[in-house]
Structure formats: C-alpha cells, structure tokens
Amino acid sequence: MHFQLELETTAVLRYTSLETENTGNGLRRFTLHDSTPQERGWVLLNDRWIEVLMGAGPQEFILLSEASRRADTKPDSREYNAMMIIWKDRIAERAGLGKVVVNTSMAREKEWKEILLG
C-alpha cells in the first residue's frame, strides 16, 4: 500500500491505555493519508526522514499483522501493524513501524505481493 506522509507537530503518542508515551529523542510520528486524502494511520520514523520526505511522493507500506481491535474502529475496517519499506538492490528494508486502518473496499483494490525483507 502507498500513503502520503505528513509530519505531526507533537512528540506524544496516545495508545489504548490512559497514559501517554513520548516518542523519545530522534523519532517523529508521521500521519498517513490516502489519495482521498483521508487519514489512514501513522508511522514512527527517524528525524532524518523530515528532510527526505519534503516534497516526496507516497511511500510504500506492507501489512505485518492484524492489530488489536479498538472500540472506535468502524465495523468494515481493520487495523494492521505496518512497516514502511524502502527498496535497495531489489530488497525491501524497514524504514519505520506504525499502524494502518484498512476498510474492506481498500483491501480489494490494493496490490498484493510477496516481499523479501533484508
């Protein structure tokens, strides 16, 4: 799947618990947007990605596993743990980890392929 990234201005993550967690030094949270441009999730990336992504197009993500279902997730949607990947010599490398919300119509129209991770 491909998503456009937008840098978030906060360094605080909110999980399902009541406590917040700081992303720590050097990590930034980016919001994922699809072509509509609806928000579809987030990814944590190293600070160096801020400059790399300025003016860059959509980035590639792979779905790793289904995440725990939250009460506010729509019935026709699923939340997945995801990995942003970059390609080097025909091998995908991890750039960052995050979560992606996919509805059933998105899942049908996306490209599905096997990817060898290095």
Protein backbone atom coordinates (compact mmCIF):
# COMPACT_ATOMS: atom_id res chain seq x y z
CA MET A 1 0.00 0.00 0.00
CA HIS A 2 1.14 3.56 -0.65
CA PHE A 3 0.45 6.56 1.59
CA GLN A 4 1.44 10.21 1.64
CA LEU A 5 3.14 11.22 4.91
CA GLU A 6 2.56 14.36 6.96
CA LEU A 7 4.78 15.30 9.91
CA GLU A 8 2.88 15.65 13.19
CA THR A 9 3.85 18.56 15.42
CA THR A 10 3.56 16.63 18.69
CA ALA A 11 6.04 14.10 20.04
CA VAL A 12 3.45 12.32 22.21
CA LEU A 13 1.78 9.02 21.31
CA ARG A 14 -1.59 8.02 22.66
CA TYR A 15 -2.15 4.29 22.92
CA THR A 16 -5.22 2.47 24.19
CA SER A 17 -4.03 2.92 27.79
CA LEU A 18 -4.72 6.09 29.78
CA GLU A 19 -1.04 7.03 29.81
CA THR A 20 0.75 8.87 27.02
CA GLU A 21 4.21 7.92 25.84
CA ASN A 22 6.88 10.22 24.42
CA THR A 23 8.39 9.12 21.12
CA GLY A 24 11.85 9.76 22.54
CA ASN A 25 14.81 11.54 21.06
CA GLY A 26 15.25 11.17 17.33
CA LEU A 27 11.83 9.69 16.50
CA ARG A 28 8.94 11.54 14.89
CA ARG A 29 5.37 10.49 14.17
CA PHE A 30 4.01 10.94 10.66
CA THR A 31 0.31 10.70 9.75
CA LEU A 32 -0.57 8.52 6.74
CA HIS A 33 -3.03 9.81 4.15
CA ASP A 34 -4.55 8.01 1.18
CA SER A 35 -5.46 9.63 -2.13
CA THR A 36 -8.79 10.99 -0.78
CA PRO A 37 -6.77 12.44 1.46
CA GLN A 38 -8.29 10.66 4.47
CA GLU A 39 -6.12 9.84 7.47
CA ARG A 40 -5.26 6.12 7.43
CA GLY A 41 -2.81 5.67 10.29
CA TRP A 42 0.68 6.64 11.43
CA VAL A 43 4.33 5.64 11.28
CA LEU A 44 7.33 6.40 13.52
CA LEU A 45 10.44 7.45 11.64
CA ASN A 46 13.89 8.74 12.50
CA ASP A 47 14.36 12.56 12.43
CA ARG A 48 16.35 12.31 9.19
CA TRP A 49 13.12 11.47 7.31
CA ILE A 50 11.81 15.01 7.82
CA GLU A 51 14.16 16.33 5.13
CA VAL A 52 13.95 13.20 2.94
CA LEU A 53 10.16 13.38 2.72
CA MET A 54 9.89 17.09 1.93
CA GLY A 55 8.11 17.11 -1.44
CA ALA A 56 8.40 13.33 -1.81
CA GLY A 57 5.52 11.29 -3.16
CA PRO A 58 3.65 8.45 -1.49
CA GLN A 59 5.70 5.91 0.46
CA GLU A 60 5.28 2.12 0.39
CA PHE A 61 3.94 0.12 3.34
CA ILE A 62 3.42 -3.57 3.98
CA LEU A 63 0.90 -5.02 6.42
CA LEU A 64 2.51 -7.26 9.03
CA SER A 65 -0.33 -8.47 11.25
CA GLU A 66 -3.78 -7.51 12.41
CA ALA A 67 -3.66 -5.18 15.43
CA SER A 68 -5.95 -5.42 18.42
CA ARG A 69 -9.41 -4.11 17.62
CA ARG A 70 -10.31 -0.80 19.26
CA ALA A 71 -13.83 0.21 20.20
CA ASP A 72 -13.76 3.25 17.87
CA THR A 73 -12.81 1.22 14.75
CA LYS A 74 -15.59 1.11 12.15
CA PRO A 75 -17.20 -2.32 11.54
CA ASP A 76 -15.97 -2.54 7.91
CA SER A 77 -12.38 -1.61 8.87
CA ARG A 78 -9.39 -3.45 10.27
CA GLU A 79 -6.30 -2.01 11.92
CA TYR A 80 -2.92 -3.55 10.99
CA ASN A 81 0.61 -3.27 12.27
CA ALA A 82 2.55 -1.97 9.28
CA MET A 83 6.09 -1.32 8.11
CA MET A 84 7.28 1.46 5.82
CA ILE A 85 9.81 0.00 3.41
CA ILE A 86 12.40 1.36 1.03
CA TRP A 87 13.97 -0.61 -1.80
CA LYS A 88 17.73 -1.19 -2.08
CA ASP A 89 19.03 -3.57 -4.73
CA ARG A 90 15.62 -5.27 -5.12
CA ILE A 91 15.42 -5.96 -1.37
CA ALA A 92 12.95 -4.17 0.91
CA GLU A 93 14.41 -2.59 4.05
CA ARG A 94 12.50 -1.36 7.07
CA ALA A 95 12.27 2.42 7.37
CA GLY A 96 9.71 2.62 10.19
CA LEU A 97 6.84 0.93 12.01
CA GLY A 98 3.27 2.05 12.58
CA LYS A 99 -0.41 1.23 12.18
CA VAL A 100 -2.71 1.38 9.16
CA VAL A 101 -6.52 1.30 9.08
CA VAL A 102 -7.85 -0.55 6.03
CA ASN A 103 -11.50 -0.83 5.06
CA THR A 104 -12.82 -3.74 3.00
CA SER A 105 -13.03 -1.79 -0.27
CA MET A 106 -9.39 -0.66 0.08
CA ALA A 107 -8.24 -4.23 0.63
CA ARG A 108 -9.87 -5.37 -2.62
CA GLU A 109 -8.36 -2.63 -4.79
CA LYS A 110 -4.78 -2.70 -3.43
CA GLU A 111 -1.91 -4.63 -4.95
CA TRP A 112 -0.95 -7.79 -3.08
CA LYS A 113 2.55 -9.22 -3.48
CA GLU A 114 5.19 -11.22 -1.67
CA ILE A 115 8.15 -9.17 -0.45
CA LEU A 116 11.57 -10.45 0.65
CA LEU A 117 12.83 -8.40 3.59
CA GLY A 118 16.55 -7.86 4.06
